[in-house]
C-alpha atoms as a PDB file:
ATOM      1  CA  MET A   1     119.616  82.740 238.171  1.00  0.00           C
ATOM      2  CA  PHE A   2     120.725  82.420 241.964  1.00  0.00           C
ATOM      3  CA  PHE A   3     119.930  78.733 243.359  1.00  0.00           C
ATOM      4  CA  SER A   4     120.799  76.277 240.620  1.00  0.00           C
ATOM      5  CA  PRO A   5     124.401  75.972 241.764  1.00  0.00           C
ATOM      6  CA  THR A   6     123.046  74.142 244.746  1.00  0.00           C
ATOM      7  CA  MET A   7     120.071  72.103 242.685  1.00  0.00           C
ATOM      8  CA  ASN A   8     122.349  70.539 240.548  1.00  0.00           C
ATOM      9  CA  PHE A   9     125.034  69.635 243.012  1.00  0.00           C
ATOM     10  CA  LEU A  10     121.761  68.113 245.518  1.00  0.00           C
ATOM     11  CA  THR A  11     120.239  66.448 242.340  1.00  0.00           C
ATOM     12  CA  SER A  12     123.202  65.160 240.720  1.00  0.00           C
ATOM     13  CA  ARG A  13     123.793  63.193 244.179  1.00  0.00           C
ATOM     14  CA  GLY A  14     120.479  61.680 244.239  1.00  0.00           C
ATOM     15  CA  HIS A  15     118.637  63.900 246.007  1.00  0.00           C
ATOM     16  CA  LYS A  16     115.068  64.156 245.611  1.00  0.00           C
ATOM     17  CA  LEU A  17     114.177  68.159 245.259  1.00  0.00           C
ATOM     18  CA  TYR A  18     110.295  70.316 245.489  1.00  0.00           C
ATOM     19  CA  ILE A  19     110.331  73.209 244.077  1.00  0.00           C
ATOM     20  CA  LEU A  20     108.248  75.574 245.918  1.00  0.00           C
ATOM     21  CA  CYS A  21     107.396  78.986 243.985  1.00  0.00           C
ATOM     22  CA  MET A  22     104.269  81.243 245.489  1.00  0.00           C
ATOM     23  CA  SER A  23     103.555  83.599 242.557  1.00  0.00           C
ATOM     24  CA  ILE A  24     103.776  83.299 238.514  1.00  0.00           C
ATOM     25  CA  GLY A  25     105.394  86.924 238.800  1.00  0.00           C
ATOM     26  CA  ASN A  26     102.460  88.361 236.288  1.00  0.00           C
ATOM     27  CA  ALA A  27     103.642  92.436 237.624  1.00  0.00           C
ATOM     28  CA  ASP A  28     103.658  93.055 233.962  1.00  0.00           C
ATOM     29  CA  GLY A  29     101.113  90.497 233.111  1.00  0.00           C
ATOM     30  CA  MET A  30     103.090  87.572 231.748  1.00  0.00           C
ATOM     31  CA  GLY A  31     102.570  85.227 234.431  1.00  0.00           C
ATOM     32  CA  THR A  32     101.019  82.037 232.530  1.00  0.00           C
ATOM     33  CA  MET A  33     104.566  82.307 229.931  1.00  0.00           C
ATOM     34  CA  ARG A  34     106.796  82.639 233.319  1.00  0.00           C
ATOM     35  CA  ARG A  35     104.403  79.908 234.790  1.00  0.00           C
ATOM     36  CA  GLU A  36     105.581  77.621 232.110  1.00  0.00           C
ATOM     37  CA  GLU A  37     109.680  79.182 231.411  1.00  0.00           C
ATOM     38  CA  LEU A  38     109.403  77.654 235.526  1.00  0.00           C
ATOM     39  CA  TYR A  39     108.215  73.892 234.673  1.00  0.00           C
ATOM     40  CA  LYS A  40     110.503  74.167 231.404  1.00  0.00           C
ATOM     41  CA  ALA A  41     114.054  75.477 233.358  1.00  0.00           C
ATOM     42  CA  SER A  42     113.011  72.707 236.010  1.00  0.00           C
ATOM     43  CA  THR A  43     113.384  70.346 233.351  1.00  0.00           C
ATOM     44  CA  VAL A  44     116.645  71.609 232.193  1.00  0.00           C
ATOM     45  CA  LEU A  45     117.771  71.290 236.265  1.00  0.00           C
ATOM     46  CA  LYS A  46     117.325  67.757 236.851  1.00  0.00           C
ATOM     47  CA  VAL A  47     113.796  68.837 238.822  1.00  0.00           C
ATOM     48  CA  PRO A  48     110.450  66.255 237.653  1.00  0.00           C
ATOM     49  CA  LEU A  49     107.130  68.754 236.903  1.00  0.00           C
ATOM     50  CA  ASN A  50     105.163  66.495 240.086  1.00  0.00           C
ATOM     51  CA  GLN A  51     108.447  67.811 242.738  1.00  0.00           C
ATOM     52  CA  VAL A  52     107.460  71.798 240.659  1.00  0.00           C
ATOM     53  CA  LYS A  53     104.447  74.210 242.133  1.00  0.00           C
ATOM     54  CA  ILE A  54     104.208  76.972 241.301  1.00  0.00           C
ATOM     55  CA  LEU A  55     100.966  79.379 243.238  1.00  0.00           C
ATOM     56  CA  ASP A  56      98.615  82.416 242.304  1.00  0.00           C
ATOM     57  CA  HIS A  57      97.256  83.403 245.460  1.00  0.00           C
ATOM     58  CA  PRO A  58      95.234  86.627 245.360  1.00  0.00           C
ATOM     59  CA  ASP A  59      97.755  87.450 248.389  1.00  0.00           C
ATOM     60  CA  LEU A  60     100.943  86.859 246.813  1.00  0.00           C
ATOM     61  CA  GLN A  61     100.964  89.303 244.056  1.00  0.00           C
ATOM     62  CA  ASP A  62     103.947  89.315 242.242  1.00  0.00           C
ATOM     63  CA  GLY A  63     106.084  93.300 242.100  1.00  0.00           C
ATOM     64  CA  PHE A  64     107.603  95.566 244.301  1.00  0.00           C
ATOM     65  CA  GLY A  65     105.636  97.606 247.090  1.00  0.00           C
ATOM     66  CA  LYS A  66     103.601  94.094 247.035  1.00  0.00           C
ATOM     67  CA  VAL A  67     104.541  93.267 251.036  1.00  0.00           C
ATOM     68  CA  TRP A  68     103.139  89.402 250.921  1.00  0.00           C
ATOM     69  CA  ASP A  69     102.000  88.330 254.353  1.00  0.00           C
ATOM     70  CA  HIS A  70     104.470  86.005 256.447  1.00  0.00           C
ATOM     71  CA  LYS A  71     101.826  84.180 258.551  1.00  0.00           C
ATOM     72  CA  LEU A  72      99.891  83.373 255.077  1.00  0.00           C
ATOM     73  CA  LEU A  73     103.570  81.671 253.564  1.00  0.00           C
ATOM     74  CA  ALA A  74     104.070  79.760 257.240  1.00  0.00           C
ATOM     75  CA  GLU A  75     100.277  78.013 256.826  1.00  0.00           C
ATOM     76  CA  ILE A  76     101.919  77.859 252.871  1.00  0.00           C
ATOM     77  CA  ILE A  77     105.008  75.768 254.360  1.00  0.00           C
ATOM     78  CA  GLU A  78     103.553  73.915 256.792  1.00  0.00           C
ATOM     79  CA  GLN A  79     100.428  72.430 254.200  1.00  0.00           C
ATOM     80  CA  GLU A  80     103.450  71.926 251.818  1.00  0.00           C
ATOM     81  CA  ILE A  81     105.455  69.799 254.108  1.00  0.00           C
ATOM     82  CA  SER A  82     103.144  68.403 255.258  1.00  0.00           C
ATOM     83  CA  SER A  83     102.387  66.682 252.021  1.00  0.00           C
ATOM     84  CA  HIS A  84     105.558  65.748 250.699  1.00  0.00           C
ATOM     85  CA  GLY A  85     107.112  63.760 254.283  1.00  0.00           C
ATOM     86  CA  ILE A  86     110.204  67.281 253.163  1.00  0.00           C
ATOM     87  CA  ASP A  87     112.255  67.501 256.015  1.00  0.00           C
ATOM     88  CA  LEU A  88     114.507  70.703 255.008  1.00  0.00           C
ATOM     89  CA  ILE A  89     114.150  73.968 252.938  1.00  0.00           C
ATOM     90  CA  ILE A  90     117.042  76.489 251.153  1.00  0.00           C
ATOM     91  CA  THR A  91     115.869  79.609 250.574  1.00  0.00           C
ATOM     92  CA  PHE A  92     116.282  83.047 250.639  1.00  0.00           C
ATOM     93  CA  ASP A  93     117.875  84.649 253.932  1.00  0.00           C
ATOM     94  CA  SER A  94     116.821  88.320 254.913  1.00  0.00           C
ATOM     95  CA  TYR A  95     117.578  90.210 252.256  1.00  0.00           C
ATOM     96  CA  GLY A  96     117.292  87.967 249.272  1.00  0.00           C
ATOM     97  CA  VAL A  97     120.202  87.788 247.131  1.00  0.00           C
ATOM     98  CA  SER A  98     118.538  90.981 244.914  1.00  0.00           C
ATOM     99  CA  GLY A  99     116.727  92.921 248.059  1.00  0.00           C
ATOM    100  CA  HIS A 100     113.325  91.951 246.211  1.00  0.00           C
ATOM    101  CA  CYS A 101     111.036  93.207 248.702  1.00  0.00           C
ATOM    102  CA  ASN A 102     108.814  89.398 247.919  1.00  0.00           C
ATOM    103  CA  HIS A 103     112.007  87.524 247.961  1.00  0.00           C
ATOM    104  CA  ARG A 104     112.334  89.311 251.945  1.00  0.00           C
ATOM    105  CA  ASP A 105     108.948  88.827 252.513  1.00  0.00           C
ATOM    106  CA  VAL A 106     109.385  84.510 252.216  1.00  0.00           C
ATOM    107  CA  HIS A 107     112.573  83.950 254.355  1.00  0.00           C
ATOM    108  CA  ASN A 108     110.031  85.668 256.827  1.00  0.00           C
ATOM    109  CA  GLY A 109     107.113  83.475 256.260  1.00  0.00           C
ATOM    110  CA  VAL A 110     110.200  80.174 256.622  1.00  0.00           C
ATOM    111  CA  ARG A 111     110.845  81.828 259.292  1.00  0.00           C
ATOM    112  CA  GLY A 112     107.758  82.119 261.104  1.00  0.00           C
ATOM    113  CA  PHE A 113     107.217  78.787 259.835  1.00  0.00           C
ATOM    114  CA  LEU A 114     110.668  77.559 262.046  1.00  0.00           C
ATOM    115  CA  HIS A 115     109.873  78.972 265.263  1.00  0.00           C
ATOM    116  CA  ASN A 116     105.883  78.340 265.419  1.00  0.00           C
ATOM    117  CA  LYS A 117     105.235  74.550 263.365  1.00  0.00           C
ATOM    118  CA  ALA A 118     108.944  72.988 262.193  1.00  0.00           C
ATOM    119  CA  PRO A 119     108.953  69.551 263.089  1.00  0.00           C
ATOM    120  CA  GLN A 120     111.579  68.337 264.977  1.00  0.00           C
ATOM    121  CA  GLY A 121     115.071  67.859 263.410  1.00  0.00           C
ATOM    122  CA  PHE A 122     113.691  69.468 260.950  1.00  0.00           C
ATOM    123  CA  GLU A 123     116.141  72.179 259.414  1.00  0.00           C
ATOM    124  CA  ALA A 124     116.303  75.440 257.144  1.00  0.00           C
ATOM    125  CA  TRP A 125     119.491  77.153 255.462  1.00  0.00           C
ATOM    126  CA  GLU A 126     119.210  79.754 253.819  1.00  0.00           C
ATOM    127  CA  LEU A 127     121.808  80.883 250.760  1.00  0.00           C
ATOM    128  CA  VAL A 128     123.824  84.193 251.918  1.00  0.00           C
ATOM    129  CA  SER A 129     124.144  86.908 249.976  1.00  0.00           C
ATOM    130  CA  THR A 130     126.980  89.160 248.963  1.00  0.00           C
ATOM    131  CA  ASN A 131     128.340  92.824 248.518  1.00  0.00           C
ATOM    132  CA  ILE A 132     127.908  93.856 244.932  1.00  0.00           C
ATOM    133  CA  LEU A 133     131.626  93.482 243.294  1.00  0.00           C
ATOM    134  CA  ARG A 134     131.300  89.479 244.676  1.00  0.00           C
ATOM    135  CA  LYS A 135     127.789  89.902 243.667  1.00  0.00           C
ATOM    136  CA  TYR A 136     129.372  89.987 240.293  1.00  0.00           C
ATOM    137  CA  SER A 137     133.108  88.315 240.631  1.00  0.00           C
ATOM    138  CA  GLY A 138     132.124  85.500 237.930  1.00  0.00           C
ATOM    139  CA  PRO A 139     134.172  82.044 238.947  1.00  0.00           C
ATOM    140  CA  PHE A 140     136.440  84.114 241.207  1.00  0.00           C
ATOM    141  CA  ASP A 141     134.287  84.634 244.396  1.00  0.00           C
ATOM    142  CA  ILE A 142     134.337  79.935 244.317  1.00  0.00           C
ATOM    143  CA  TRP A 143     137.649  80.542 246.505  1.00  0.00           C
ATOM    144  CA  LEU A 144     135.589  83.912 248.391  1.00  0.00           C
ATOM    145  CA  SER A 145     132.827  81.841 249.521  1.00  0.00           C
ATOM    146  CA  SER A 146     135.126  78.938 250.169  1.00  0.00           C
ATOM    147  CA  MET A 147     137.350  80.795 252.554  1.00  0.00           C
ATOM    148  CA  PHE A 148     134.119  82.750 254.010  1.00  0.00           C
ATOM    149  CA  SER A 149     132.407  79.021 255.607  1.00  0.00           C
ATOM    150  CA  LYS A 150     135.484  77.872 257.547  1.00  0.00           C
ATOM    151  CA  GLU A 151     135.494  80.783 259.431  1.00  0.00           C
ATOM    152  CA  HIS A 152     132.305  80.114 260.527  1.00  0.00           C
ATOM    153  CA  SER A 153     131.610  77.330 263.437  1.00  0.00           C
ATOM    154  CA  SER A 154     132.030  73.157 261.822  1.00  0.00           C
ATOM    155  CA  GLY A 155     128.566  72.094 260.476  1.00  0.00           C
ATOM    156  CA  MET A 156     126.560  76.132 260.347  1.00  0.00           C
ATOM    157  CA  THR A 157     127.523  76.987 256.478  1.00  0.00           C
ATOM    158  CA  HIS A 158     128.233  74.619 253.239  1.00  0.00           C
ATOM    159  CA  CYS A 159     129.704  75.654 249.827  1.00  0.00           C
ATOM    160  CA  LEU A 160     128.365  74.513 247.086  1.00  0.00           C
ATOM    161  CA  LEU A 161     129.921  74.631 243.645  1.00  0.00           C
ATOM    162  CA  ASN A 162     128.408  74.268 240.519  1.00  0.00           C
ATOM    163  CA  GLU A 163     130.078  71.769 238.260  1.00  0.00           C
ATOM    164  CA  ARG A 164     127.545  71.908 235.080  1.00  0.00           C
ATOM    165  CA  PRO A 165     127.559  76.327 235.346  1.00  0.00           C
ATOM    166  CA  ARG A 166     126.016  75.091 231.179  1.00  0.00           C
ATOM    167  CA  GLN A 167     123.427  73.646 232.344  1.00  0.00           C
ATOM    168  CA  SER A 168     122.641  77.041 234.869  1.00  0.00           C
ATOM    169  CA  PHE A 169     122.775  79.001 231.674  1.00  0.00           C
ATOM    170  CA  LEU A 170     120.807  76.997 229.337  1.00  0.00           C
ATOM    171  CA  ALA A 171     118.032  76.304 232.903  1.00  0.00           C
ATOM    172  CA  MET A 172     117.780  80.416 232.785  1.00  0.00           C
ATOM    173  CA  ALA A 173     116.904  80.499 228.966  1.00  0.00           C
ATOM    174  CA  GLN A 174     113.715  78.813 229.597  1.00  0.00           C
ATOM    175  CA  HIS A 175     112.680  82.226 230.049  1.00  0.00           C
ATOM    176  CA  ALA A 176     112.083  83.798 226.882  1.00  0.00           C
ATOM    177  CA  SER A 177     110.422  86.671 228.411  1.00  0.00           C
ATOM    178  CA  GLN A 178     113.546  88.283 230.032  1.00  0.00           C
ATOM    179  CA  TRP A 179     116.091  86.908 228.923  1.00  0.00           C
ATOM    180  CA  VAL A 180     117.446  90.037 227.677  1.00  0.00           C
ATOM    181  CA  TRP A 181     121.111  91.215 226.971  1.00  0.00           C
ATOM    182  CA  PHE A 182     121.827  92.290 230.531  1.00  0.00           C
ATOM    183  CA  ARG A 183     120.451  89.036 232.221  1.00  0.00           C
ATOM    184  CA  LYS A 184     122.229  86.790 230.248  1.00  0.00           C
ATOM    185  CA  LEU A 185     125.948  88.737 231.415  1.00  0.00           C
ATOM    186  CA  PHE A 186     124.157  87.839 234.648  1.00  0.00           C
ATOM    187  CA  VAL A 187     124.026  84.775 234.235  1.00  0.00           C
ATOM    188  CA  THR A 188     127.932  85.098 233.121  1.00  0.00           C
ATOM    189  CA  PHE A 189     129.434  87.077 235.592  1.00  0.00           C
ATOM    190  CA  SER A 190     127.441  86.644 238.419  1.00  0.00           C
ATOM    191  CA  SER A 191     129.224  84.388 241.531  1.00  0.00           C
ATOM    192  CA  TYR A 192     125.360  82.892 242.074  1.00  0.00           C
ATOM    193  CA  THR A 193     126.079  81.002 238.999  1.00  0.00           C
ATOM    194  CA  TYR A 194     129.162  78.964 239.619  1.00  0.00           C
ATOM    195  CA  VAL A 195     129.119  78.964 243.468  1.00  0.00           C
ATOM    196  CA  ASN A 196     126.686  78.557 246.304  1.00  0.00           C
ATOM    197  CA  THR A 197     127.448  79.496 250.134  1.00  0.00           C
ATOM    198  CA  LEU A 198     124.346  78.207 252.376  1.00  0.00           C
ATOM    199  CA  LYS A 199     124.194  79.701 256.190  1.00  0.00           C
ATOM    200  CA  ARG A 200     122.112  76.911 258.595  1.00  0.00           C
ATOM    201  CA  ILE A 201     118.964  79.681 260.062  1.00  0.00           C
ATOM    202  CA  LYS A 202     119.176  78.384 263.737  1.00  0.00           C
END
C-alpha cells in the first residue's frame, strides 16, 4: 500500500531487495492467511521468497494499542543486516504514513539501531508521510513530491516515481483478506501508488 513505487524503482534497476515484516498481522486472527498473501504480493513485485522474512514474535503482535519494544526491534534489525550484508534500510518515518503505532515503533527501532549498532557508512531512509489532501491526490501528487524534493538539501531526499502502477494494484490484490472496496479505492487514488518521497535519516 505504501512502498511499491520504491520497490519497483529499485528492482527494475537490478538492486537486491530484502523485505523484513515484523508481524504476520494477526490482530483479527488471520495472521497465517496474511503471511501467505504477503509472499504472493512480494512475488508480483519481483522480490524472491528467499528474500522475504515475516516474523511472528510474541512481543511484536499486530494491533492498535500494542506498543513494540524499540530495543527489541533494533536487535532484530541488527541481526538481519549482519546475516544478509545489507547496507541500506528503507522504512517508515515517525508518523508512519497512516499513523499506525506499529509503523511508528518500527521507525524508532531503526533509529535505535542507527544510533547504537549501525556500521560505518550505513544508510537509512524514511518514507515521507503527507497530509490527507496530498495522500489522496493520486498521480497529481507527483508534481508536489518533486517540488518537495527540490526544496531540500541535495542528496537528502529522493522522489521515486512508480513506473508500473498497475503492478502495485496487482500486488495489493494478492491480499484477499483485506481486498475490500475501500482499499481498492485507496490503491487507486493514493499518491503512494504513484510516487514515494524518501528522506535520509540523519
